[in-house]
Amino acid sequence: MLFGNKMKQVESAVAHKKAEKLIALAQGKDSEVVLSAVQGLGKVGGENAVNFLVTQLRSINPKTRAAAALSLGEIGDPHAKAHISGVLKFEKDAETVKAMHEALGKIRDY
């Protein structure tokens, strides 16, 4: 039941555009909740969301790195492009590389 409650919290935070709540949920231990919160930040946007997502580009979990890149692509903050490009040079996971390229394609140059 705890898992369901956390997922409902993610949905509510996205619906109410609460980046801080999503950031807190994205720092939890349940990988599904973390991924949903990271993806939710892409829908909510804002400076705090971008700053947190940039840190997640270096997550130990490749799925989290990929989700963070895609969320940054959704937000479209041009400054995120440099961060994604920087970590892309060292990324080894094929799916994450693909996600990072996709995100870069969505972000306009500044």
PDB file of N, CA and C in Angstrom:
ATOM      1  N   MET A   1       0.820  -1.188   0.000  1.00  0.00           N
ATOM      2  CA  MET A   1       0.000   0.000   0.000  1.00  0.00           C
ATOM      3  C   MET A   1       0.868   1.259   0.000  1.00  0.00           C
ATOM      4  N   LEU A   2       2.032   1.182   0.618  1.00  0.00           N
ATOM      5  CA  LEU A   2       2.912   2.347   0.675  1.00  0.00           C
ATOM      6  C   LEU A   2       3.324   2.788  -0.721  1.00  0.00           C
ATOM      7  N   PHE A   3       3.623   1.802  -1.592  1.00  0.00           N
ATOM      8  CA  PHE A   3       4.013   2.111  -2.962  1.00  0.00           C
ATOM      9  C   PHE A   3       2.911   2.905  -3.663  1.00  0.00           C
ATOM     10  N   GLY A   4       1.669   2.462  -3.536  1.00  0.00           N
ATOM     11  CA  GLY A   4       0.535   3.135  -4.160  1.00  0.00           C
ATOM     12  C   GLY A   4       0.369   4.551  -3.657  1.00  0.00           C
ATOM     13  N   ASN A   5       0.572   4.746  -2.364  1.00  0.00           N
ATOM     14  CA  ASN A   5       0.462   6.090  -1.796  1.00  0.00           C
ATOM     15  C   ASN A   5       1.506   7.025  -2.385  1.00  0.00           C
ATOM     16  N   LYS A   6       2.719   6.544  -2.525  1.00  0.00           N
ATOM     17  CA  LYS A   6       3.799   7.366  -3.093  1.00  0.00           C
ATOM     18  C   LYS A   6       3.506   7.712  -4.554  1.00  0.00           C
ATOM     19  N   MET A   7       2.979   6.743  -5.296  1.00  0.00           N
ATOM     20  CA  MET A   7       2.650   7.016  -6.700  1.00  0.00           C
ATOM     21  C   MET A   7       1.529   8.054  -6.795  1.00  0.00           C
ATOM     22  N   LYS A   8       0.584   7.987  -5.889  1.00  0.00           N
ATOM     23  CA  LYS A   8      -0.490   8.980  -5.862  1.00  0.00           C
ATOM     24  C   LYS A   8       0.075  10.358  -5.510  1.00  0.00           C
ATOM     25  N   GLN A   9       1.078  10.374  -4.641  1.00  0.00           N
ATOM     26  CA  GLN A   9       1.735  11.644  -4.292  1.00  0.00           C
ATOM     27  C   GLN A   9       2.437  12.234  -5.512  1.00  0.00           C
ATOM     28  N   VAL A  10       3.056  11.372  -6.313  1.00  0.00           N
ATOM     29  CA  VAL A  10       3.704  11.844  -7.541  1.00  0.00           C
ATOM     30  C   VAL A  10       2.656  12.451  -8.470  1.00  0.00           C
ATOM     31  N   GLU A  11       1.565  11.730  -8.684  1.00  0.00           N
ATOM     32  CA  GLU A  11       0.494  12.225  -9.562  1.00  0.00           C
ATOM     33  C   GLU A  11      -0.048  13.567  -9.075  1.00  0.00           C
ATOM     34  N   SER A  12      -0.266  13.675  -7.777  1.00  0.00           N
ATOM     35  CA  SER A  12      -0.785  14.913  -7.194  1.00  0.00           C
ATOM     36  C   SER A  12       0.212  16.061  -7.356  1.00  0.00           C
ATOM     37  N   ALA A  13       1.478  15.773  -7.115  1.00  0.00           N
ATOM     38  CA  ALA A  13       2.510  16.805  -7.233  1.00  0.00           C
ATOM     39  C   ALA A  13       2.619  17.308  -8.671  1.00  0.00           C
ATOM     40  N   VAL A  14       2.496  16.411  -9.637  1.00  0.00           N
ATOM     41  CA  VAL A  14       2.529  16.819 -11.046  1.00  0.00           C
ATOM     42  C   VAL A  14       1.307  17.675 -11.354  1.00  0.00           C
ATOM     43  N   ALA A  15       0.144  17.213 -10.921  1.00  0.00           N
ATOM     44  CA  ALA A  15      -1.098  17.932 -11.194  1.00  0.00           C
ATOM     45  C   ALA A  15      -1.087  19.338 -10.602  1.00  0.00           C
ATOM     46  N   HIS A  16      -0.439  19.477  -9.447  1.00  0.00           N
ATOM     47  CA  HIS A  16      -0.410  20.780  -8.770  1.00  0.00           C
ATOM     48  C   HIS A  16       0.890  21.536  -9.005  1.00  0.00           C
ATOM     49  N   LYS A  17       1.720  21.015  -9.924  1.00  0.00           N
ATOM     50  CA  LYS A  17       2.985  21.674 -10.297  1.00  0.00           C
ATOM     51  C   LYS A  17       3.889  21.927  -9.089  1.00  0.00           C
ATOM     52  N   LYS A  18       4.040  20.906  -8.254  1.00  0.00           N
ATOM     53  CA  LYS A  18       4.846  21.029  -7.036  1.00  0.00           C
ATOM     54  C   LYS A  18       6.202  20.348  -7.228  1.00  0.00           C
ATOM     55  N   ALA A  19       7.147  21.109  -7.759  1.00  0.00           N
ATOM     56  CA  ALA A  19       8.474  20.570  -8.032  1.00  0.00           C
ATOM     57  C   ALA A  19       9.174  20.105  -6.762  1.00  0.00           C
ATOM     58  N   GLU A  20       9.042  20.858  -5.685  1.00  0.00           N
ATOM     59  CA  GLU A  20       9.733  20.493  -4.444  1.00  0.00           C
ATOM     60  C   GLU A  20       9.271  19.128  -3.920  1.00  0.00           C
ATOM     61  N   LYS A  21       7.993  18.845  -4.024  1.00  0.00           N
ATOM     62  CA  LYS A  21       7.457  17.554  -3.596  1.00  0.00           C
ATOM     63  C   LYS A  21       8.009  16.431  -4.477  1.00  0.00           C
ATOM     64  N   LEU A  22       8.071  16.687  -5.779  1.00  0.00           N
ATOM     65  CA  LEU A  22       8.621  15.683  -6.704  1.00  0.00           C
ATOM     66  C   LEU A  22      10.100  15.436  -6.426  1.00  0.00           C
ATOM     67  N   ILE A  23      10.825  16.494  -6.119  1.00  0.00           N
ATOM     68  CA  ILE A  23      12.250  16.345  -5.802  1.00  0.00           C
ATOM     69  C   ILE A  23      12.413  15.470  -4.564  1.00  0.00           C
ATOM     70  N   ALA A  24      11.579  15.693  -3.559  1.00  0.00           N
ATOM     71  CA  ALA A  24      11.645  14.869  -2.341  1.00  0.00           C
ATOM     72  C   ALA A  24      11.332  13.409  -2.661  1.00  0.00           C
ATOM     73  N   LEU A  25      10.312  13.175  -3.471  1.00  0.00           N
ATOM     74  CA  LEU A  25       9.947  11.802  -3.846  1.00  0.00           C
ATOM     75  C   LEU A  25      11.037  11.152  -4.695  1.00  0.00           C
ATOM     76  N   ALA A  26      11.711  11.934  -5.510  1.00  0.00           N
ATOM     77  CA  ALA A  26      12.765  11.408  -6.378  1.00  0.00           C
ATOM     78  C   ALA A  26      14.014  11.007  -5.604  1.00  0.00           C
ATOM     79  N   GLN A  27      14.061  11.349  -4.338  1.00  0.00           N
ATOM     80  CA  GLN A  27      15.206  10.987  -3.509  1.00  0.00           C
ATOM     81  C   GLN A  27      14.912   9.781  -2.621  1.00  0.00           C
ATOM     82  N   GLY A  28      13.797   9.110  -2.901  1.00  0.00           N
ATOM     83  CA  GLY A  28      13.416   7.937  -2.124  1.00  0.00           C
ATOM     84  C   GLY A  28      14.162   6.689  -2.568  1.00  0.00           C
ATOM     85  N   LYS A  29      13.741   5.557  -2.007  1.00  0.00           N
ATOM     86  CA  LYS A  29      14.421   4.283  -2.279  1.00  0.00           C
ATOM     87  C   LYS A  29      13.707   3.426  -3.314  1.00  0.00           C
ATOM     88  N   ASP A  30      12.426   3.668  -3.531  1.00  0.00           N
ATOM     89  CA  ASP A  30      11.653   2.863  -4.478  1.00  0.00           C
ATOM     90  C   ASP A  30      11.939   3.357  -5.896  1.00  0.00           C
ATOM     91  N   SER A  31      12.573   2.530  -6.698  1.00  0.00           N
ATOM     92  CA  SER A  31      13.023   2.962  -8.025  1.00  0.00           C
ATOM     93  C   SER A  31      11.867   3.398  -8.930  1.00  0.00           C
ATOM     94  N   GLU A  32      10.715   2.759  -8.810  1.00  0.00           N
ATOM     95  CA  GLU A  32       9.573   3.138  -9.650  1.00  0.00           C
ATOM     96  C   GLU A  32       9.062   4.530  -9.277  1.00  0.00           C
ATOM     97  N   VAL A  33       9.013   4.822  -7.989  1.00  0.00           N
ATOM     98  CA  VAL A  33       8.586   6.141  -7.524  1.00  0.00           C
ATOM     99  C   VAL A  33       9.608   7.191  -7.956  1.00  0.00           C
ATOM    100  N   VAL A  34      10.890   6.854  -7.803  1.00  0.00           N
ATOM    101  CA  VAL A  34      11.960   7.780  -8.205  1.00  0.00           C
ATOM    102  C   VAL A  34      11.821   8.122  -9.689  1.00  0.00           C
ATOM    103  N   LEU A  35      11.667   7.106 -10.537  1.00  0.00           N
ATOM    104  CA  LEU A  35      11.540   7.348 -11.979  1.00  0.00           C
ATOM    105  C   LEU A  35      10.298   8.174 -12.303  1.00  0.00           C
ATOM    106  N   SER A  36       9.198   7.874 -11.650  1.00  0.00           N
ATOM    107  CA  SER A  36       7.967   8.635 -11.896  1.00  0.00           C
ATOM    108  C   SER A  36       8.128  10.085 -11.474  1.00  0.00           C
ATOM    109  N   ALA A  37       8.793  10.314 -10.346  1.00  0.00           N
ATOM    110  CA  ALA A  37       9.007  11.683  -9.873  1.00  0.00           C
ATOM    111  C   ALA A  37       9.942  12.439 -10.813  1.00  0.00           C
ATOM    112  N   VAL A  38      10.996  11.779 -11.281  1.00  0.00           N
ATOM    113  CA  VAL A  38      11.935  12.423 -12.224  1.00  0.00           C
ATOM    114  C   VAL A  38      11.204  12.771 -13.519  1.00  0.00           C
ATOM    115  N   GLN A  39      10.373  11.851 -14.003  1.00  0.00           N
ATOM    116  CA  GLN A  39       9.590  12.124 -15.209  1.00  0.00           C
ATOM    117  C   GLN A  39       8.592  13.252 -14.960  1.00  0.00           C
ATOM    118  N   GLY A  40       8.014  13.283 -13.784  1.00  0.00           N
ATOM    119  CA  GLY A  40       7.071  14.335 -13.425  1.00  0.00           C
ATOM    120  C   GLY A  40       7.711  15.708 -13.423  1.00  0.00           C
ATOM    121  N   LEU A  41       8.969  15.770 -13.028  1.00  0.00           N
ATOM    122  CA  LEU A  41       9.673  17.056 -13.034  1.00  0.00           C
ATOM    123  C   LEU A  41       9.775  17.624 -14.443  1.00  0.00           C
ATOM    124  N   GLY A  42       9.827  16.758 -15.429  1.00  0.00           N
ATOM    125  CA  GLY A  42       9.852  17.211 -16.822  1.00  0.00           C
ATOM    126  C   GLY A  42       8.552  17.891 -17.217  1.00  0.00           C
ATOM    127  N   LYS A  43       7.459  17.486 -16.597  1.00  0.00           N
ATOM    128  CA  LYS A  43       6.154  18.091 -16.877  1.00  0.00           C
ATOM    129  C   LYS A  43       5.956  19.384 -16.096  1.00  0.00           C
ATOM    130  N   VAL A  44       6.554  19.449 -14.912  1.00  0.00           N
ATOM    131  CA  VAL A  44       6.377  20.608 -14.037  1.00  0.00           C
ATOM    132  C   VAL A  44       7.329  21.738 -14.425  1.00  0.00           C
ATOM    133  N   GLY A  45       8.584  21.389 -14.679  1.00  0.00           N
ATOM    134  CA  GLY A  45       9.577  22.389 -15.078  1.00  0.00           C
ATOM    135  C   GLY A  45       9.960  23.326 -13.945  1.00  0.00           C
ATOM    136  N   GLY A  46      10.615  24.411 -14.320  1.00  0.00           N
ATOM    137  CA  GLY A  46      11.063  25.396 -13.338  1.00  0.00           C
ATOM    138  C   GLY A  46      12.526  25.231 -12.987  1.00  0.00           C
ATOM    139  N   GLU A  47      13.065  26.273 -12.396  1.00  0.00           N
ATOM    140  CA  GLU A  47      14.492  26.302 -12.077  1.00  0.00           C
ATOM    141  C   GLU A  47      14.904  25.201 -11.105  1.00  0.00           C
ATOM    142  N   ASN A  48      14.111  24.970 -10.059  1.00  0.00           N
ATOM    143  CA  ASN A  48      14.448  23.924  -9.092  1.00  0.00           C
ATOM    144  C   ASN A  48      14.434  22.547  -9.740  1.00  0.00           C
ATOM    145  N   ALA A  49      13.470  22.318 -10.613  1.00  0.00           N
ATOM    146  CA  ALA A  49      13.397  21.036 -11.315  1.00  0.00           C
ATOM    147  C   ALA A  49      14.636  20.845 -12.183  1.00  0.00           C
ATOM    148  N   VAL A  50      15.011  21.873 -12.930  1.00  0.00           N
ATOM    149  CA  VAL A  50      16.186  21.775 -13.803  1.00  0.00           C
ATOM    150  C   VAL A  50      17.432  21.502 -12.972  1.00  0.00           C
ATOM    151  N   ASN A  51      17.608  22.260 -11.895  1.00  0.00           N
ATOM    152  CA  ASN A  51      18.800  22.082 -11.059  1.00  0.00           C
ATOM    153  C   ASN A  51      18.887  20.670 -10.491  1.00  0.00           C
ATOM    154  N   PHE A  52      17.764  20.122 -10.038  1.00  0.00           N
ATOM    155  CA  PHE A  52      17.770  18.761  -9.499  1.00  0.00           C
ATOM    156  C   PHE A  52      18.034  17.743 -10.604  1.00  0.00           C
ATOM    157  N   LEU A  53      17.372  17.908 -11.737  1.00  0.00           N
ATOM    158  CA  LEU A  53      17.541  16.947 -12.836  1.00  0.00           C
ATOM    159  C   LEU A  53      18.978  16.908 -13.326  1.00  0.00           C
ATOM    160  N   VAL A  54      19.641  18.049 -13.343  1.00  0.00           N
ATOM    161  CA  VAL A  54      21.047  18.083 -13.760  1.00  0.00           C
ATOM    162  C   VAL A  54      21.879  17.193 -12.837  1.00  0.00           C
ATOM    163  N   THR A  55      21.573  17.205 -11.536  1.00  0.00           N
ATOM    164  CA  THR A  55      22.332  16.348 -10.614  1.00  0.00           C
ATOM    165  C   THR A  55      22.044  14.874 -10.885  1.00  0.00           C
ATOM    166  N   GLN A  56      20.848  14.572 -11.363  1.00  0.00           N
ATOM    167  CA  GLN A  56      20.461  13.183 -11.612  1.00  0.00           C
ATOM    168  C   GLN A  56      21.089  12.613 -12.879  1.00  0.00           C
ATOM    169  N   LEU A  57      21.694  13.460 -13.693  1.00  0.00           N
ATOM    170  CA  LEU A  57      22.421  12.975 -14.869  1.00  0.00           C
ATOM    171  C   LEU A  57      23.634  12.147 -14.456  1.00  0.00           C
ATOM    172  N   ARG A  58      24.005  12.238 -13.188  1.00  0.00           N
ATOM    173  CA  ARG A  58      25.135  11.477 -12.666  1.00  0.00           C
ATOM    174  C   ARG A  58      24.694  10.387 -11.684  1.00  0.00           C
ATOM    175  N   SER A  59      23.419  10.058 -11.707  1.00  0.00           N
ATOM    176  CA  SER A  59      22.893   9.005 -10.829  1.00  0.00           C
ATOM    177  C   SER A  59      23.602   7.686 -11.103  1.00  0.00           C
ATOM    178  N   ILE A  60      23.655   6.848 -10.092  1.00  0.00           N
ATOM    179  CA  ILE A  60      24.246   5.520 -10.256  1.00  0.00           C
ATOM    180  C   ILE A  60      23.353   4.640 -11.140  1.00  0.00           C
ATOM    181  N   ASN A  61      22.063   4.959 -11.189  1.00  0.00           N
ATOM    182  CA  ASN A  61      21.093   4.162 -11.940  1.00  0.00           C
ATOM    183  C   ASN A  61      20.948   4.712 -13.368  1.00  0.00           C
ATOM    184  N   PRO A  62      21.262   3.897 -14.389  1.00  0.00           N
ATOM    185  CA  PRO A  62      21.163   4.384 -15.767  1.00  0.00           C
ATOM    186  C   PRO A  62      19.743   4.801 -16.163  1.00  0.00           C
ATOM    187  N   LYS A  63      18.728   4.128 -15.602  1.00  0.00           N
ATOM    188  CA  LYS A  63      17.348   4.510 -15.925  1.00  0.00           C
ATOM    189  C   LYS A  63      17.030   5.902 -15.380  1.00  0.00           C
ATOM    190  N   THR A  64      17.566   6.215 -14.226  1.00  0.00           N
ATOM    191  CA  THR A  64      17.370   7.549 -13.652  1.00  0.00           C
ATOM    192  C   THR A  64      18.089   8.591 -14.498  1.00  0.00           C
ATOM    193  N   ARG A  65      19.302   8.269 -14.944  1.00  0.00           N
ATOM    194  CA  ARG A  65      20.037   9.206 -15.809  1.00  0.00           C
ATOM    195  C   ARG A  65      19.266   9.466 -17.097  1.00  0.00           C
ATOM    196  N   ALA A  66      18.732   8.403 -17.691  1.00  0.00           N
ATOM    197  CA  ALA A  66      17.969   8.540 -18.933  1.00  0.00           C
ATOM    198  C   ALA A  66      16.707   9.369 -18.706  1.00  0.00           C
ATOM    199  N   ALA A  67      15.994   9.082 -17.616  1.00  0.00           N
ATOM    200  CA  ALA A  67      14.761   9.827 -17.312  1.00  0.00           C
ATOM    201  C   ALA A  67      15.061  11.297 -17.051  1.00  0.00           C
ATOM    202  N   ALA A  68      16.164  11.564 -16.362  1.00  0.00           N
ATOM    203  CA  ALA A  68      16.548  12.957 -16.090  1.00  0.00           C
ATOM    204  C   ALA A  68      16.839  13.695 -17.392  1.00  0.00           C
ATOM    205  N   ALA A  69      17.555  13.043 -18.291  1.00  0.00           N
ATOM    206  CA  ALA A  69      17.866  13.671 -19.580  1.00  0.00           C
ATOM    207  C   ALA A  69      16.587  13.953 -20.362  1.00  0.00           C
ATOM    208  N   LEU A  70      15.701  12.971 -20.430  1.00  0.00           N
ATOM    209  CA  LEU A  70      14.448  13.164 -21.164  1.00  0.00           C
ATOM    210  C   LEU A  70      13.595  14.271 -20.539  1.00  0.00           C
ATOM    211  N   SER A  71      13.579  14.341 -19.215  1.00  0.00           N
ATOM    212  CA  SER A  71      12.831  15.396 -18.542  1.00  0.00           C
ATOM    213  C   SER A  71      13.438  16.762 -18.841  1.00  0.00           C
ATOM    214  N   LEU A  72      14.745  16.837 -18.856  1.00  0.00           N
ATOM    215  CA  LEU A  72      15.398  18.104 -19.218  1.00  0.00           C
ATOM    216  C   LEU A  72      15.053  18.485 -20.654  1.00  0.00           C
ATOM    217  N   GLY A  73      14.972  17.489 -21.523  1.00  0.00           N
ATOM    218  CA  GLY A  73      14.570  17.747 -22.903  1.00  0.00           C
ATOM    219  C   GLY A  73      13.151  18.286 -22.981  1.00  0.00           C
ATOM    220  N   GLU A  74      12.262  17.734 -22.149  1.00  0.00           N
ATOM    221  CA  GLU A  74      10.874  18.207 -22.122  1.00  0.00           C
ATOM    222  C   GLU A  74      10.802  19.656 -21.647  1.00  0.00           C
ATOM    223  N   ILE A  75      11.603  19.979 -20.634  1.00  0.00           N
ATOM    224  CA  ILE A  75      11.603  21.345 -20.108  1.00  0.00           C
ATOM    225  C   ILE A  75      12.189  22.303 -21.144  1.00  0.00           C
ATOM    226  N   GLY A  76      13.238  21.852 -21.809  1.00  0.00           N
ATOM    227  CA  GLY A  76      13.825  22.639 -22.888  1.00  0.00           C
ATOM    228  C   GLY A  76      14.731  23.773 -22.451  1.00  0.00           C
ATOM    229  N   ASP A  77      15.167  23.770 -21.206  1.00  0.00           N
ATOM    230  CA  ASP A  77      16.080  24.818 -20.732  1.00  0.00           C
ATOM    231  C   ASP A  77      17.395  24.709 -21.499  1.00  0.00           C
ATOM    232  N   PRO A  78      17.767  25.769 -22.207  1.00  0.00           N
ATOM    233  CA  PRO A  78      18.969  25.685 -23.041  1.00  0.00           C
ATOM    234  C   PRO A  78      20.259  25.436 -22.256  1.00  0.00           C
ATOM    235  N   HIS A  79      20.299  25.820 -20.982  1.00  0.00           N
ATOM    236  CA  HIS A  79      21.511  25.601 -20.190  1.00  0.00           C
ATOM    237  C   HIS A  79      21.712  24.119 -19.876  1.00  0.00           C
ATOM    238  N   ALA A  80      20.643  23.341 -19.925  1.00  0.00           N
ATOM    239  CA  ALA A  80      20.742  21.906 -19.658  1.00  0.00           C
ATOM    240  C   ALA A  80      21.531  21.194 -20.751  1.00  0.00           C
ATOM    241  N   LYS A  81      21.556  21.782 -21.927  1.00  0.00           N
ATOM    242  CA  LYS A  81      22.255  21.170 -23.060  1.00  0.00           C
ATOM    243  C   LYS A  81      23.731  20.917 -22.745  1.00  0.00           C
ATOM    244  N   ALA A  82      24.360  21.895 -22.114  1.00  0.00           N
ATOM    245  CA  ALA A  82      25.779  21.751 -21.769  1.00  0.00           C
ATOM    246  C   ALA A  82      25.982  20.630 -20.751  1.00  0.00           C
ATOM    247  N   HIS A  83      25.073  20.512 -19.794  1.00  0.00           N
ATOM    248  CA  HIS A  83      25.193  19.461 -18.782  1.00  0.00           C
ATOM    249  C   HIS A  83      25.014  18.078 -19.401  1.00  0.00           C
ATOM    250  N   ILE A  84      24.014  17.944 -20.263  1.00  0.00           N
ATOM    251  CA  ILE A  84      23.781  16.650 -20.909  1.00  0.00           C
ATOM    252  C   ILE A  84      24.976  16.286 -21.797  1.00  0.00           C
ATOM    253  N   SER A  85      25.452  17.253 -22.566  1.00  0.00           N
ATOM    254  CA  SER A  85      26.609  17.007 -23.443  1.00  0.00           C
ATOM    255  C   SER A  85      27.827  16.584 -22.635  1.00  0.00           C
ATOM    256  N   GLY A  86      28.010  17.188 -21.473  1.00  0.00           N
ATOM    257  CA  GLY A  86      29.162  16.869 -20.627  1.00  0.00           C
ATOM    258  C   GLY A  86      29.144  15.437 -20.123  1.00  0.00           C
ATOM    259  N   VAL A  87      27.985  14.963 -19.678  1.00  0.00           N
ATOM    260  CA  VAL A  87      27.926  13.591 -19.153  1.00  0.00           C
ATOM    261  C   VAL A  87      27.830  12.561 -20.274  1.00  0.00           C
ATOM    262  N   LEU A  88      27.322  12.992 -21.409  1.00  0.00           N
ATOM    263  CA  LEU A  88      27.181  12.083 -22.548  1.00  0.00           C
ATOM    264  C   LEU A  88      28.534  11.526 -22.985  1.00  0.00           C
ATOM    265  N   LYS A  89      29.572  12.302 -22.846  1.00  0.00           N
ATOM    266  CA  LYS A  89      30.918  11.875 -23.240  1.00  0.00           C
ATOM    267  C   LYS A  89      31.380  10.623 -22.491  1.00  0.00           C
ATOM    268  N   PHE A  90      30.842  10.436 -21.285  1.00  0.00           N
ATOM    269  CA  PHE A  90      31.283   9.332 -20.435  1.00  0.00           C
ATOM    270  C   PHE A  90      30.231   8.244 -20.258  1.00  0.00           C
ATOM    271  N   GLU A  91      29.053   8.452 -20.821  1.00  0.00           N
ATOM    272  CA  GLU A  91      27.953   7.496 -20.638  1.00  0.00           C
ATOM    273  C   GLU A  91      28.225   6.199 -21.402  1.00  0.00           C
ATOM    274  N   LYS A  92      28.024   5.080 -20.720  1.00  0.00           N
ATOM    275  CA  LYS A  92      28.279   3.762 -21.310  1.00  0.00           C
ATOM    276  C   LYS A  92      26.990   3.006 -21.639  1.00  0.00           C
ATOM    277  N   ASP A  93      25.884   3.321 -20.956  1.00  0.00           N
ATOM    278  CA  ASP A  93      24.630   2.600 -21.149  1.00  0.00           C
ATOM    279  C   ASP A  93      23.963   3.057 -22.455  1.00  0.00           C
ATOM    280  N   ALA A  94      23.716   2.116 -23.341  1.00  0.00           N
ATOM    281  CA  ALA A  94      23.190   2.430 -24.677  1.00  0.00           C
ATOM    282  C   ALA A  94      21.833   3.139 -24.627  1.00  0.00           C
ATOM    283  N   GLU A  95      20.938   2.677 -23.763  1.00  0.00           N
ATOM    284  CA  GLU A  95      19.613   3.306 -23.663  1.00  0.00           C
ATOM    285  C   GLU A  95      19.722   4.736 -23.141  1.00  0.00           C
ATOM    286  N   THR A  96      20.639   4.944 -22.206  1.00  0.00           N
ATOM    287  CA  THR A  96      20.831   6.281 -21.652  1.00  0.00           C
ATOM    288  C   THR A  96      21.437   7.207 -22.703  1.00  0.00           C
ATOM    289  N   VAL A  97      22.374   6.702 -23.473  1.00  0.00           N
ATOM    290  CA  VAL A  97      22.958   7.504 -24.562  1.00  0.00           C
ATOM    291  C   VAL A  97      21.862   7.927 -25.538  1.00  0.00           C
ATOM    292  N   LYS A  98      21.002   6.985 -25.893  1.00  0.00           N
ATOM    293  CA  LYS A  98      19.895   7.274 -26.810  1.00  0.00           C
ATOM    294  C   LYS A  98      18.989   8.364 -26.220  1.00  0.00           C
ATOM    295  N   ALA A  99      18.652   8.236 -24.942  1.00  0.00           N
ATOM    296  CA  ALA A  99      17.793   9.221 -24.278  1.00  0.00           C
ATOM    297  C   ALA A  99      18.451  10.596 -24.253  1.00  0.00           C
ATOM    298  N   MET A 100      19.746  10.628 -24.009  1.00  0.00           N
ATOM    299  CA  MET A 100      20.461  11.904 -23.959  1.00  0.00           C
ATOM    300  C   MET A 100      20.487  12.577 -25.329  1.00  0.00           C
ATOM    301  N   HIS A 101      20.697  11.789 -26.373  1.00  0.00           N
ATOM    302  CA  HIS A 101      20.655  12.355 -27.726  1.00  0.00           C
ATOM    303  C   HIS A 101      19.257  12.887 -28.056  1.00  0.00           C
ATOM    304  N   GLU A 102      18.240  12.147 -27.657  1.00  0.00           N
ATOM    305  CA  GLU A 102      16.865  12.580 -27.892  1.00  0.00           C
ATOM    306  C   GLU A 102      16.594  13.909 -27.163  1.00  0.00           C
ATOM    307  N   ALA A 103      17.055  13.999 -25.925  1.00  0.00           N
ATOM    308  CA  ALA A 103      16.867  15.230 -25.146  1.00  0.00           C
ATOM    309  C   ALA A 103      17.591  16.404 -25.795  1.00  0.00           C
ATOM    310  N   LEU A 104      18.812  16.165 -26.226  1.00  0.00           N
ATOM    311  CA  LEU A 104      19.576  17.240 -26.876  1.00  0.00           C
ATOM    312  C   LEU A 104      18.863  17.755 -28.122  1.00  0.00           C
ATOM    313  N   GLY A 105      18.207  16.850 -28.837  1.00  0.00           N
ATOM    314  CA  GLY A 105      17.475  17.239 -30.035  1.00  0.00           C
ATOM    315  C   GLY A 105      16.273  18.137 -29.756  1.00  0.00           C
ATOM    316  N   LYS A 106      15.747  18.062 -28.522  1.00  0.00           N
ATOM    317  CA  LYS A 106      14.584  18.853 -28.157  1.00  0.00           C
ATOM    318  C   LYS A 106      14.943  20.245 -27.624  1.00  0.00           C
ATOM    319  N   ILE A 107      16.164  20.398 -27.170  1.00  0.00           N
ATOM    320  CA  ILE A 107      16.556  21.661 -26.532  1.00  0.00           C
ATOM    321  C   ILE A 107      17.140  22.607 -27.579  1.00  0.00           C
ATOM    322  N   ARG A 108      16.552  23.792 -27.663  1.00  0.00           N
ATOM    323  CA  ARG A 108      17.064  24.795 -28.602  1.00  0.00           C
ATOM    324  C   ARG A 108      18.359  25.391 -28.089  1.00  0.00           C
ATOM    325  N   ASP A 109      19.217  25.757 -29.005  1.00  0.00           N
ATOM    326  CA  ASP A 109      20.465  26.418 -28.620  1.00  0.00           C
ATOM    327  C   ASP A 109      20.164  27.778 -28.008  1.00  0.00           C
ATOM    328  N   TYR A 110      21.072  28.181 -27.135  1.00  0.00           N
ATOM    329  CA  TYR A 110      20.911  29.501 -26.524  1.00  0.00           C
ATOM    330  C   TYR A 110      21.953  30.454 -27.034  1.00  0.00           C
TER     331      TYR A 110
END
